[in-house]
C-alpha atoms as a PDB file:
ATOM      1  CA  MET A   1       1.894  -8.940  -8.612  1.00  0.00           C
ATOM      2  CA  ASP A   2       1.318  -5.361  -7.432  1.00  0.00           C
ATOM      3  CA  PHE A   3       1.683  -4.132  -3.878  1.00  0.00           C
ATOM      4  CA  LEU A   4      -0.820  -1.413  -2.938  1.00  0.00           C
ATOM      5  CA  ASP A   5       0.701   1.268  -0.719  1.00  0.00           C
ATOM      6  CA  THR A   6      -1.417   3.076   1.847  1.00  0.00           C
ATOM      7  CA  ASN A   7      -1.913   6.196  -0.253  1.00  0.00           C
ATOM      8  CA  ILE A   8      -3.759   4.147  -2.897  1.00  0.00           C
ATOM      9  CA  VAL A   9      -6.307   2.992  -0.316  1.00  0.00           C
ATOM     10  CA  VAL A  10      -6.573   6.433   1.268  1.00  0.00           C
ATOM     11  CA  TYR A  11      -7.146   8.234  -2.053  1.00  0.00           C
ATOM     12  CA  ALA A  12      -9.837   5.713  -2.988  1.00  0.00           C
ATOM     13  CA  ASN A  13     -11.705   6.899   0.105  1.00  0.00           C
ATOM     14  CA  ASP A  14     -10.890  10.613  -0.152  1.00  0.00           C
ATOM     15  CA  THR A  15     -13.411  12.749  -2.030  1.00  0.00           C
ATOM     16  CA  ARG A  16     -11.216  15.890  -2.063  1.00  0.00           C
ATOM     17  CA  ASP A  17      -9.332  14.877  -5.231  1.00  0.00           C
ATOM     18  CA  LYS A  18     -11.794  13.238  -7.608  1.00  0.00           C
ATOM     19  CA  ARG A  19      -9.141  12.361 -10.226  1.00  0.00           C
ATOM     20  CA  LYS A  20      -6.968  10.482  -7.733  1.00  0.00           C
ATOM     21  CA  GLN A  21     -10.002   8.914  -6.107  1.00  0.00           C
ATOM     22  CA  LYS A  22     -11.270   7.593  -9.451  1.00  0.00           C
ATOM     23  CA  ARG A  23      -7.854   6.188 -10.402  1.00  0.00           C
ATOM     24  CA  CYS A  24      -7.392   4.469  -7.036  1.00  0.00           C
ATOM     25  CA  ILE A  25     -10.878   2.979  -7.090  1.00  0.00           C
ATOM     26  CA  GLU A  26     -10.056   1.541 -10.531  1.00  0.00           C
ATOM     27  CA  ILE A  27      -6.794   0.065  -9.188  1.00  0.00           C
ATOM     28  CA  ILE A  28      -8.480  -1.509  -6.187  1.00  0.00           C
ATOM     29  CA  GLU A  29     -11.444  -2.832  -8.195  1.00  0.00           C
ATOM     30  CA  ARG A  30      -9.043  -4.467 -10.658  1.00  0.00           C
ATOM     31  CA  ALA A  31      -7.018  -5.927  -7.788  1.00  0.00           C
ATOM     32  CA  LEU A  32     -10.113  -7.350  -6.122  1.00  0.00           C
ATOM     33  CA  THR A  33     -11.329  -8.793  -9.430  1.00  0.00           C
ATOM     34  CA  THR A  34      -8.035 -10.356 -10.506  1.00  0.00           C
ATOM     35  CA  GLY A  35      -6.490 -11.056  -7.097  1.00  0.00           C
ATOM     36  CA  ASP A  36      -3.202  -9.844  -8.589  1.00  0.00           C
ATOM     37  CA  ALA A  37      -2.282  -7.450  -5.788  1.00  0.00           C
ATOM     38  CA  THR A  38      -1.341  -7.610  -2.164  1.00  0.00           C
ATOM     39  CA  VAL A  39      -1.316  -5.358   0.888  1.00  0.00           C
ATOM     40  CA  SER A  40       0.228  -5.601   4.319  1.00  0.00           C
ATOM     41  CA  THR A  41      -1.123  -5.185   7.809  1.00  0.00           C
ATOM     42  CA  GLN A  42       0.892  -1.940   7.899  1.00  0.00           C
ATOM     43  CA  VAL A  43      -1.189  -0.613   4.986  1.00  0.00           C
ATOM     44  CA  LEU A  44      -4.441  -1.621   6.691  1.00  0.00           C
ATOM     45  CA  PHE A  45      -3.427   0.033   9.979  1.00  0.00           C
ATOM     46  CA  GLU A  46      -2.218   3.217   8.280  1.00  0.00           C
ATOM     47  CA  TYR A  47      -5.401   3.451   6.209  1.00  0.00           C
ATOM     48  CA  ALA A  48      -7.590   2.978   9.317  1.00  0.00           C
ATOM     49  CA  ASN A  49      -5.683   5.703  11.156  1.00  0.00           C
ATOM     50  CA  VAL A  50      -5.989   8.222   8.292  1.00  0.00           C
ATOM     51  CA  ALA A  51      -9.634   7.289   7.683  1.00  0.00           C
ATOM     52  CA  LEU A  52     -10.498   7.873  11.332  1.00  0.00           C
ATOM     53  CA  THR A  53      -8.497  11.063  11.819  1.00  0.00           C
ATOM     54  CA  LYS A  54      -8.362  12.912   8.486  1.00  0.00           C
ATOM     55  CA  LEU A  55     -11.219  11.483   6.424  1.00  0.00           C
ATOM     56  CA  ALA A  56     -13.645  11.225   9.359  1.00  0.00           C
ATOM     57  CA  GLN A  57     -15.015   7.931   8.059  1.00  0.00           C
ATOM     58  CA  SER A  58     -17.183   5.862  10.353  1.00  0.00           C
ATOM     59  CA  ALA A  59     -15.795   2.751  11.972  1.00  0.00           C
ATOM     60  CA  ALA A  60     -18.345   0.691  10.019  1.00  0.00           C
ATOM     61  CA  VAL A  61     -17.068   2.024   6.666  1.00  0.00           C
ATOM     62  CA  ILE A  62     -13.457   1.435   7.682  1.00  0.00           C
ATOM     63  CA  ARG A  63     -14.230  -2.124   8.807  1.00  0.00           C
ATOM     64  CA  ARG A  64     -15.936  -2.836   5.475  1.00  0.00           C
ATOM     65  CA  GLN A  65     -12.993  -1.453   3.498  1.00  0.00           C
ATOM     66  CA  ILE A  66     -10.562  -3.585   5.508  1.00  0.00           C
ATOM     67  CA  GLU A  67     -12.767  -6.651   5.028  1.00  0.00           C
ATOM     68  CA  LEU A  68     -12.721  -6.085   1.258  1.00  0.00           C
ATOM     69  CA  LEU A  69      -8.967  -5.503   1.141  1.00  0.00           C
ATOM     70  CA  SER A  70      -8.327  -8.577   3.271  1.00  0.00           C
ATOM     71  CA  THR A  71      -9.683 -10.736   0.458  1.00  0.00           C
ATOM     72  CA  LEU A  72      -6.317  -9.971  -1.180  1.00  0.00           C
ATOM     73  CA  PRO A  73      -3.164 -11.599   0.130  1.00  0.00           C
ATOM     74  CA  VAL A  74      -2.168  -9.708   3.298  1.00  0.00           C
ATOM     75  CA  ILE A  75       1.456  -9.736   4.428  1.00  0.00           C
ATOM     76  CA  PRO A  76       1.447  -9.766   8.250  1.00  0.00           C
ATOM     77  CA  GLN A  77       3.884  -7.908  10.453  1.00  0.00           C
ATOM     78  CA  SER A  78       6.548 -10.127  11.952  1.00  0.00           C
ATOM     79  CA  ALA A  79       9.928  -9.920  13.636  1.00  0.00           C
ATOM     80  CA  ALA A  80      11.568 -11.172  10.433  1.00  0.00           C
ATOM     81  CA  LEU A  81       9.843  -8.434   8.420  1.00  0.00           C
ATOM     82  CA  ALA A  82      10.996  -5.771  10.898  1.00  0.00           C
ATOM     83  CA  ILE A  83      14.568  -7.050  10.629  1.00  0.00           C
ATOM     84  CA  ARG A  84      14.392  -6.994   6.832  1.00  0.00           C
ATOM     85  CA  ALA A  85      12.957  -3.462   6.915  1.00  0.00           C
ATOM     86  CA  THR A  86      15.901  -2.270   9.009  1.00  0.00           C
ATOM     87  CA  GLU A  87      18.282  -3.829   6.472  1.00  0.00           C
ATOM     88  CA  ILE A  88      16.479  -2.137   3.566  1.00  0.00           C
ATOM     89  CA  LYS A  89      16.461   1.187   5.434  1.00  0.00           C
ATOM     90  CA  GLU A  90      20.206   0.968   5.959  1.00  0.00           C
ATOM     91  CA  LEU A  91      20.906  -0.218   2.407  1.00  0.00           C
ATOM     92  CA  TYR A  92      18.890   2.476   0.615  1.00  0.00           C
ATOM     93  CA  GLY A  93      18.687   5.284   3.192  1.00  0.00           C
ATOM     94  CA  LEU A  94      14.883   5.235   3.268  1.00  0.00           C
ATOM     95  CA  SER A  95      12.516   5.917   6.126  1.00  0.00           C
ATOM     96  CA  PHE A  96      11.802   2.825   8.198  1.00  0.00           C
ATOM     97  CA  TRP A  97       8.135   2.808   7.158  1.00  0.00           C
ATOM     98  CA  ASP A  98       8.962   2.980   3.433  1.00  0.00           C
ATOM     99  CA  ALA A  99      11.500   0.196   3.972  1.00  0.00           C
ATOM    100  CA  ALA A 100       8.793  -1.849   5.717  1.00  0.00           C
ATOM    101  CA  ILE A 101       6.529  -1.443   2.669  1.00  0.00           C
ATOM    102  CA  ILE A 102       9.334  -2.679   0.409  1.00  0.00           C
ATOM    103  CA  ALA A 103      10.046  -5.600   2.758  1.00  0.00           C
ATOM    104  CA  ALA A 104       6.362  -6.587   2.723  1.00  0.00           C
ATOM    105  CA  ALA A 105       6.191  -6.305  -1.071  1.00  0.00           C
ATOM    106  CA  ALA A 106       9.266  -8.527  -1.364  1.00  0.00           C
ATOM    107  CA  GLU A 107       7.732 -11.012   1.075  1.00  0.00           C
ATOM    108  CA  GLY A 108       4.608 -11.091  -1.114  1.00  0.00           C
ATOM    109  CA  GLY A 109       6.586 -11.729  -4.295  1.00  0.00           C
ATOM    110  CA  CYS A 110       5.492  -8.421  -5.830  1.00  0.00           C
ATOM    111  CA  SER A 111       7.170  -7.005  -8.924  1.00  0.00           C
ATOM    112  CA  GLN A 112       6.006  -3.441  -8.328  1.00  0.00           C
ATOM    113  CA  ILE A 113       4.711  -1.132  -5.629  1.00  0.00           C
ATOM    114  CA  LEU A 114       1.956   1.300  -6.554  1.00  0.00           C
ATOM    115  CA  SER A 115       2.644   4.452  -4.557  1.00  0.00           C
ATOM    116  CA  GLU A 116       2.916   8.182  -4.960  1.00  0.00           C
ATOM    117  CA  ASP A 117       5.142   8.477  -1.895  1.00  0.00           C
ATOM    118  CA  MET A 118       8.392   7.064  -3.256  1.00  0.00           C
ATOM    119  CA  ASN A 119      10.506   7.775  -6.350  1.00  0.00           C
ATOM    120  CA  THR A 120       8.673   6.460  -9.384  1.00  0.00           C
ATOM    121  CA  GLY A 121      10.827   4.196 -11.541  1.00  0.00           C
ATOM    122  CA  GLN A 122      13.239   3.476  -8.680  1.00  0.00           C
ATOM    123  CA  ILE A 123      13.993  -0.195  -8.074  1.00  0.00           C
ATOM    124  CA  TYR A 124      14.485  -1.487  -4.541  1.00  0.00           C
ATOM    125  CA  CYS A 125      15.209  -5.150  -3.885  1.00  0.00           C
ATOM    126  CA  GLY A 126      14.180  -5.916  -7.462  1.00  0.00           C
ATOM    127  CA  ILE A 127      10.803  -4.193  -7.027  1.00  0.00           C
ATOM    128  CA  ARG A 128       9.900  -1.204  -9.213  1.00  0.00           C
ATOM    129  CA  LEU A 129       8.132   1.800  -7.707  1.00  0.00           C
ATOM    130  CA  VAL A 130       5.255   2.992  -9.898  1.00  0.00           C
ATOM    131  CA  ASN A 131       3.337   6.207  -9.333  1.00  0.00           C
ATOM    132  CA  PRO A 132      -0.118   5.507 -10.807  1.00  0.00           C
ATOM    133  CA  PHE A 133      -0.700   9.264 -11.279  1.00  0.00           C
ATOM    134  CA  HIS A 134       2.534   9.830 -13.199  1.00  0.00           C
ATOM    135  CA  PRO A 135       2.135  10.027 -16.982  1.00  0.00           C
END
């Protein structure tokens, strides 16, 4: 199972880089078709914030995107997840928010995280980081 990081959702909605947009739309379409991906509430919140502030998308478009993404398994924020994220942060020396993504992916039973923000090929907590734009 794949975990979709925020940048995948943002790029799918960002027309400034057509190559990345096309690739991310393909990833999300495949995920919605197969159901073989997950997101977290953190990803949904971060996407909504970027969509409102940087992409200037309407609230209606953002709501629709979140409705579509919420047909995938969504890992909710919890005290236990925050505790695990602090452990991962300390263990690997990551930012708290990156550690929270890894904690959510682990909670969802994911084998890889699709993201351009972390070191591609790196393995954290048994989960491989994959940059979908890396050759």
